[in-house]
Every structure is written in C-alpha cells, then in structure tokens.
C-alpha cells in the first residue's frame, strides 16, 4: 500500500483516495475546533494561500479522539472553519487517529514517518518511535511529491515554523 491508494471520505461523504494529490507537497493534519491549537487554522490558511499555486495541499482530518474537541458533524466543522478562519483547503470526514479503529491513513502515517520534530529541536536531535501514538490535535505530517513522509511535527510546531520546510520541498 502507498499513501495515494488509501481510501478516504471527503466532506461531501464521497469515497475517494489520495491519488488526486500525487505530485504535490502535502501537509496532513488531524484537527479539532474546540482545541487550544484551533487558532493554527489561521496560519495554515496563510500557508495554503502562499503555496497552493506552487503545488501544495493541506488535507484536514478532524478527529474527536482528544477530549471530544471536534464535536459535531463534518459539515459543521467545515462551516466553523470557513466562518472563523476563511479556510479553503480540503476537509475530510472525521476519523480516529489512534487505537484499533484508527483510520488506515493514520496507521500508514505513523508506521512510515522517519522522525518527529518539536519546536527548538534540530533534526539531528530528533528521535522517533514508529509505534508512537498521535499525541494530540494538530499533529502535522509533511509529505513530498513522491508520497514519502518527510517530517512529523508536534502540535506545538506552528504553521509559521513549517513554512521553510514546505518551501524547501517545493523548490
């Protein structure tokens, strides 16, 4: 299995896969609308506006697994993000990111990520256990154009701090 063959369901409840994003740099995020990190939506939209025309996509996967911080239906979450942050990047149906019922996408991401980066760390200082669970909302995975997972960013890592990594992959 590769990243582009993984089945997902879009905001309109249509089954699809990620093949439409082949050849693009991707930032895949598990999100929540009632989280302390929800304000990151604003910075994510800035990144999307800045790099979308250069082949960059953000894929938003809401998850209610962390203290019920993504309540409501996917359509309500999308409306909240559109209204409060003007988001225009794709949102997908709510999923689980940990445990037995974790979505296949997140099982794949966790099993294939090379490392996790936290703010203030340098690449050489970073270690990562492949079995590590998603710690919280707004964990971010950066994927290159070939579908390889390049980095996993902790929720504390802001969109602004990810900008340079995205720019490097698009160059």
C-alpha atoms as a PDB file:
ATOM      1  CA  UNK A   1       0.000   0.000   0.000  1.00  0.00           C
ATOM      2  CA  UNK A   2       1.163   3.523  -0.680  1.00  0.00           C
ATOM      3  CA  UNK A   3      -0.195   6.854   0.510  1.00  0.00           C
ATOM      4  CA  UNK A   4      -2.054   7.612  -2.718  1.00  0.00           C
ATOM      5  CA  UNK A   5      -4.091   4.377  -2.639  1.00  0.00           C
ATOM      6  CA  UNK A   6      -5.529   4.929   0.828  1.00  0.00           C
ATOM      7  CA  UNK A   7      -9.315   5.349   0.738  1.00  0.00           C
ATOM      8  CA  UNK A   8     -10.781   8.454   2.384  1.00  0.00           C
ATOM      9  CA  UNK A   9     -14.199  10.087   2.541  1.00  0.00           C
ATOM     10  CA  UNK A  10     -14.487  13.760   1.647  1.00  0.00           C
ATOM     11  CA  UNK A  11     -16.652  16.406   3.300  1.00  0.00           C
ATOM     12  CA  UNK A  12     -19.494  15.531   0.893  1.00  0.00           C
ATOM     13  CA  UNK A  13     -19.422  11.881   2.072  1.00  0.00           C
ATOM     14  CA  UNK A  14     -17.938  10.700  -1.227  1.00  0.00           C
ATOM     15  CA  UNK A  15     -15.454   7.829  -1.192  1.00  0.00           C
ATOM     16  CA  UNK A  16     -12.185   8.726  -2.869  1.00  0.00           C
ATOM     17  CA  UNK A  17      -8.462   8.202  -2.396  1.00  0.00           C
ATOM     18  CA  UNK A  18      -5.448  10.469  -2.260  1.00  0.00           C
ATOM     19  CA  UNK A  19      -4.307   9.797  -5.852  1.00  0.00           C
ATOM     20  CA  UNK A  20      -5.557  13.234  -6.905  1.00  0.00           C
ATOM     21  CA  UNK A  21      -2.745  14.699  -4.757  1.00  0.00           C
ATOM     22  CA  UNK A  22       0.082  12.728  -6.407  1.00  0.00           C
ATOM     23  CA  UNK A  23       2.895  15.087  -7.431  1.00  0.00           C
ATOM     24  CA  UNK A  24       2.037  17.676  -4.748  1.00  0.00           C
ATOM     25  CA  UNK A  25       3.607  18.518  -1.417  1.00  0.00           C
ATOM     26  CA  UNK A  26       1.092  17.618   1.308  1.00  0.00           C
ATOM     27  CA  UNK A  27       0.548  18.653   4.886  1.00  0.00           C
ATOM     28  CA  UNK A  28      -1.834  16.187   6.552  1.00  0.00           C
ATOM     29  CA  UNK A  29      -3.290  17.273   9.885  1.00  0.00           C
ATOM     30  CA  UNK A  30      -5.667  15.877  12.492  1.00  0.00           C
ATOM     31  CA  UNK A  31      -7.661  18.859  13.723  1.00  0.00           C
ATOM     32  CA  UNK A  32     -10.276  19.925  16.260  1.00  0.00           C
ATOM     33  CA  UNK A  33     -12.386  23.062  16.535  1.00  0.00           C
ATOM     34  CA  UNK A  34     -12.503  23.300  20.354  1.00  0.00           C
ATOM     35  CA  UNK A  35      -8.779  22.872  20.991  1.00  0.00           C
ATOM     36  CA  UNK A  36      -6.179  25.303  22.281  1.00  0.00           C
ATOM     37  CA  UNK A  37      -4.400  24.850  18.937  1.00  0.00           C
ATOM     38  CA  UNK A  38      -7.500  25.679  16.845  1.00  0.00           C
ATOM     39  CA  UNK A  39      -6.072  29.150  16.165  1.00  0.00           C
ATOM     40  CA  UNK A  40      -3.463  27.378  13.989  1.00  0.00           C
ATOM     41  CA  UNK A  41      -6.144  27.242  11.289  1.00  0.00           C
ATOM     42  CA  UNK A  42      -5.317  30.882  10.552  1.00  0.00           C
ATOM     43  CA  UNK A  43      -1.620  30.141   9.948  1.00  0.00           C
ATOM     44  CA  UNK A  44      -2.489  27.046   7.945  1.00  0.00           C
ATOM     45  CA  UNK A  45      -4.652  29.119   5.622  1.00  0.00           C
ATOM     46  CA  UNK A  46      -1.766  31.590   5.189  1.00  0.00           C
ATOM     47  CA  UNK A  47       0.496  28.681   4.124  1.00  0.00           C
ATOM     48  CA  UNK A  48      -2.196  27.375   1.795  1.00  0.00           C
ATOM     49  CA  UNK A  49      -2.632  30.776   0.135  1.00  0.00           C
ATOM     50  CA  UNK A  50       1.130  31.229  -0.179  1.00  0.00           C
ATOM     51  CA  UNK A  51       1.979  27.824  -1.688  1.00  0.00           C
ATOM     52  CA  UNK A  52      -1.177  26.318  -3.194  1.00  0.00           C
ATOM     53  CA  UNK A  53      -0.411  27.601  -6.709  1.00  0.00           C
ATOM     54  CA  UNK A  54       3.066  26.037  -6.437  1.00  0.00           C
ATOM     55  CA  UNK A  55       1.732  22.524  -5.826  1.00  0.00           C
ATOM     56  CA  UNK A  56       0.967  22.476  -2.097  1.00  0.00           C
ATOM     57  CA  UNK A  57      -2.111  20.987  -0.417  1.00  0.00           C
ATOM     58  CA  UNK A  58      -3.297  20.828   3.162  1.00  0.00           C
ATOM     59  CA  UNK A  59      -5.530  17.857   3.975  1.00  0.00           C
ATOM     60  CA  UNK A  60      -7.613  18.359   7.111  1.00  0.00           C
ATOM     61  CA  UNK A  61      -8.846  15.285   9.001  1.00  0.00           C
ATOM     62  CA  UNK A  62     -10.899  16.269  12.069  1.00  0.00           C
ATOM     63  CA  UNK A  63     -10.684  13.850  14.986  1.00  0.00           C
ATOM     64  CA  UNK A  64     -12.810  13.838  18.111  1.00  0.00           C
ATOM     65  CA  UNK A  65     -10.469  11.433  19.938  1.00  0.00           C
ATOM     66  CA  UNK A  66      -8.890  14.000  22.227  1.00  0.00           C
ATOM     67  CA  UNK A  67     -11.320  15.080  24.945  1.00  0.00           C
ATOM     68  CA  UNK A  68     -14.178  15.454  22.440  1.00  0.00           C
ATOM     69  CA  UNK A  69     -12.658  18.632  20.996  1.00  0.00           C
ATOM     70  CA  UNK A  70     -14.086  18.110  17.477  1.00  0.00           C
ATOM     71  CA  UNK A  71     -17.809  17.882  18.205  1.00  0.00           C
ATOM     72  CA  UNK A  72     -20.485  17.991  15.549  1.00  0.00           C
ATOM     73  CA  UNK A  73     -20.750  16.685  12.053  1.00  0.00           C
ATOM     74  CA  UNK A  74     -18.039  17.250   9.461  1.00  0.00           C
ATOM     75  CA  UNK A  75     -20.247  19.823   7.696  1.00  0.00           C
ATOM     76  CA  UNK A  76     -20.496  21.823  10.945  1.00  0.00           C
ATOM     77  CA  UNK A  77     -16.733  21.678  11.409  1.00  0.00           C
ATOM     78  CA  UNK A  78     -16.214  22.907   7.842  1.00  0.00           C
ATOM     79  CA  UNK A  79     -18.701  25.755   8.367  1.00  0.00           C
ATOM     80  CA  UNK A  80     -16.912  26.750  11.590  1.00  0.00           C
ATOM     81  CA  UNK A  81     -13.517  26.812   9.852  1.00  0.00           C
ATOM     82  CA  UNK A  82     -14.849  28.712   6.838  1.00  0.00           C
ATOM     83  CA  UNK A  83     -16.575  31.315   9.012  1.00  0.00           C
ATOM     84  CA  UNK A  84     -13.872  31.820  11.633  1.00  0.00           C
ATOM     85  CA  UNK A  85     -10.684  31.295   9.627  1.00  0.00           C
ATOM     86  CA  UNK A  86     -11.675  31.544   5.953  1.00  0.00           C
ATOM     87  CA  UNK A  87     -10.232  28.103   5.239  1.00  0.00           C
ATOM     88  CA  UNK A  88     -10.278  26.899   1.652  1.00  0.00           C
ATOM     89  CA  UNK A  89      -8.187  23.716   1.898  1.00  0.00           C
ATOM     90  CA  UNK A  90      -9.887  20.299   1.702  1.00  0.00           C
ATOM     91  CA  UNK A  91     -11.528  18.852   4.781  1.00  0.00           C
ATOM     92  CA  UNK A  92     -12.357  15.185   5.079  1.00  0.00           C
ATOM     93  CA  UNK A  93     -14.744  13.185   7.219  1.00  0.00           C
ATOM     94  CA  UNK A  94     -13.956  12.864  10.919  1.00  0.00           C
ATOM     95  CA  UNK A  95     -11.681   9.934  11.719  1.00  0.00           C
ATOM     96  CA  UNK A  96      -9.924   8.171  14.575  1.00  0.00           C
ATOM     97  CA  UNK A  97      -6.143   8.541  14.589  1.00  0.00           C
ATOM     98  CA  UNK A  98      -5.229   6.117  17.388  1.00  0.00           C
ATOM     99  CA  UNK A  99      -6.263   2.707  18.580  1.00  0.00           C
ATOM    100  CA  UNK A 100      -7.772  -0.349  16.971  1.00  0.00           C
ATOM    101  CA  UNK A 101     -10.197   1.715  14.869  1.00  0.00           C
ATOM    102  CA  UNK A 102      -7.598   4.238  13.678  1.00  0.00           C
ATOM    103  CA  UNK A 103      -8.123   5.207  10.055  1.00  0.00           C
ATOM    104  CA  UNK A 104      -5.811   3.373   7.593  1.00  0.00           C
ATOM    105  CA  UNK A 105      -4.286   6.744   6.627  1.00  0.00           C
ATOM    106  CA  UNK A 106      -3.099   7.354  10.170  1.00  0.00           C
ATOM    107  CA  UNK A 107      -1.927   3.784  10.597  1.00  0.00           C
ATOM    108  CA  UNK A 108       0.164   4.321   7.449  1.00  0.00           C
ATOM    109  CA  UNK A 109       1.469   7.738   8.526  1.00  0.00           C
ATOM    110  CA  UNK A 110       2.530   6.538  11.977  1.00  0.00           C
ATOM    111  CA  UNK A 111       4.209   3.418  10.597  1.00  0.00           C
ATOM    112  CA  UNK A 112       6.206   5.222   7.903  1.00  0.00           C
ATOM    113  CA  UNK A 113       7.299   8.536   9.398  1.00  0.00           C
ATOM    114  CA  UNK A 114      11.055   8.942   9.815  1.00  0.00           C
ATOM    115  CA  UNK A 115      11.019  11.360  12.774  1.00  0.00           C
ATOM    116  CA  UNK A 116       9.063  13.899  14.778  1.00  0.00           C
ATOM    117  CA  UNK A 117      10.180  17.481  15.188  1.00  0.00           C
ATOM    118  CA  UNK A 118       9.299  19.690  18.140  1.00  0.00           C
ATOM    119  CA  UNK A 119       9.919  23.443  18.284  1.00  0.00           C
ATOM    120  CA  UNK A 120      13.503  24.246  19.225  1.00  0.00           C
ATOM    121  CA  UNK A 121      14.884  20.874  18.150  1.00  0.00           C
ATOM    122  CA  UNK A 122      17.341  20.361  15.364  1.00  0.00           C
ATOM    123  CA  UNK A 123      16.934  17.393  13.007  1.00  0.00           C
ATOM    124  CA  UNK A 124      19.972  15.630  14.481  1.00  0.00           C
ATOM    125  CA  UNK A 125      18.477  15.764  17.993  1.00  0.00           C
ATOM    126  CA  UNK A 126      15.179  14.197  16.981  1.00  0.00           C
ATOM    127  CA  UNK A 127      14.328  10.579  17.615  1.00  0.00           C
ATOM    128  CA  UNK A 128      11.059   8.884  16.802  1.00  0.00           C
ATOM    129  CA  UNK A 129       9.455   5.585  17.709  1.00  0.00           C
ATOM    130  CA  UNK A 130       7.357   4.284  14.819  1.00  0.00           C
ATOM    131  CA  UNK A 131       4.741   2.916  17.196  1.00  0.00           C
ATOM    132  CA  UNK A 132       4.220   6.284  18.882  1.00  0.00           C
ATOM    133  CA  UNK A 133       0.612   7.375  19.093  1.00  0.00           C
ATOM    134  CA  UNK A 134      -0.682  10.708  17.876  1.00  0.00           C
ATOM    135  CA  UNK A 135      -0.289  12.837  20.999  1.00  0.00           C
ATOM    136  CA  UNK A 136      -2.915  15.494  20.352  1.00  0.00           C
ATOM    137  CA  UNK A 137      -4.838  17.543  17.833  1.00  0.00           C
ATOM    138  CA  UNK A 138      -2.854  19.402  15.162  1.00  0.00           C
ATOM    139  CA  UNK A 139      -0.101  16.827  14.712  1.00  0.00           C
ATOM    140  CA  UNK A 140       1.184  17.507  11.200  1.00  0.00           C
ATOM    141  CA  UNK A 141       2.739  15.226   8.579  1.00  0.00           C
ATOM    142  CA  UNK A 142       4.717  16.745   5.699  1.00  0.00           C
ATOM    143  CA  UNK A 143       4.836  14.588   2.568  1.00  0.00           C
ATOM    144  CA  UNK A 144       6.915  15.166  -0.558  1.00  0.00           C
ATOM    145  CA  UNK A 145       5.689  14.967  -4.167  1.00  0.00           C
ATOM    146  CA  UNK A 146       6.510  11.247  -4.354  1.00  0.00           C
ATOM    147  CA  UNK A 147       4.336  10.452  -1.334  1.00  0.00           C
ATOM    148  CA  UNK A 148       7.188   9.958   1.135  1.00  0.00           C
ATOM    149  CA  UNK A 149       6.635  11.206   4.663  1.00  0.00           C
ATOM    150  CA  UNK A 150       9.435  13.666   5.349  1.00  0.00           C
ATOM    151  CA  UNK A 151       8.542  15.030   8.803  1.00  0.00           C
ATOM    152  CA  UNK A 152       6.060  14.654  11.616  1.00  0.00           C
ATOM    153  CA  UNK A 153       5.550  17.908  13.525  1.00  0.00           C
ATOM    154  CA  UNK A 154       4.223  18.053  17.066  1.00  0.00           C
ATOM    155  CA  UNK A 155       1.074  20.120  17.723  1.00  0.00           C
ATOM    156  CA  UNK A 156       3.221  22.863  19.295  1.00  0.00           C
ATOM    157  CA  UNK A 157       5.025  23.355  15.986  1.00  0.00           C
ATOM    158  CA  UNK A 158       3.202  26.295  14.387  1.00  0.00           C
ATOM    159  CA  UNK A 159       2.353  26.692  10.700  1.00  0.00           C
ATOM    160  CA  UNK A 160       4.795  29.613  10.550  1.00  0.00           C
ATOM    161  CA  UNK A 161       7.613  27.317  11.715  1.00  0.00           C
ATOM    162  CA  UNK A 162       6.748  24.801   8.981  1.00  0.00           C
ATOM    163  CA  UNK A 163       6.948  27.379   6.170  1.00  0.00           C
ATOM    164  CA  UNK A 164      10.650  26.803   5.417  1.00  0.00           C
ATOM    165  CA  UNK A 165      10.217  23.020   5.240  1.00  0.00           C
ATOM    166  CA  UNK A 166       7.403  23.422   2.700  1.00  0.00           C
ATOM    167  CA  UNK A 167       9.363  25.935   0.635  1.00  0.00           C
ATOM    168  CA  UNK A 168      12.333  23.548   0.527  1.00  0.00           C
ATOM    169  CA  UNK A 169      10.184  20.660  -0.768  1.00  0.00           C
ATOM    170  CA  UNK A 170       8.587  22.850  -3.436  1.00  0.00           C
ATOM    171  CA  UNK A 171      11.977  24.112  -4.716  1.00  0.00           C
END
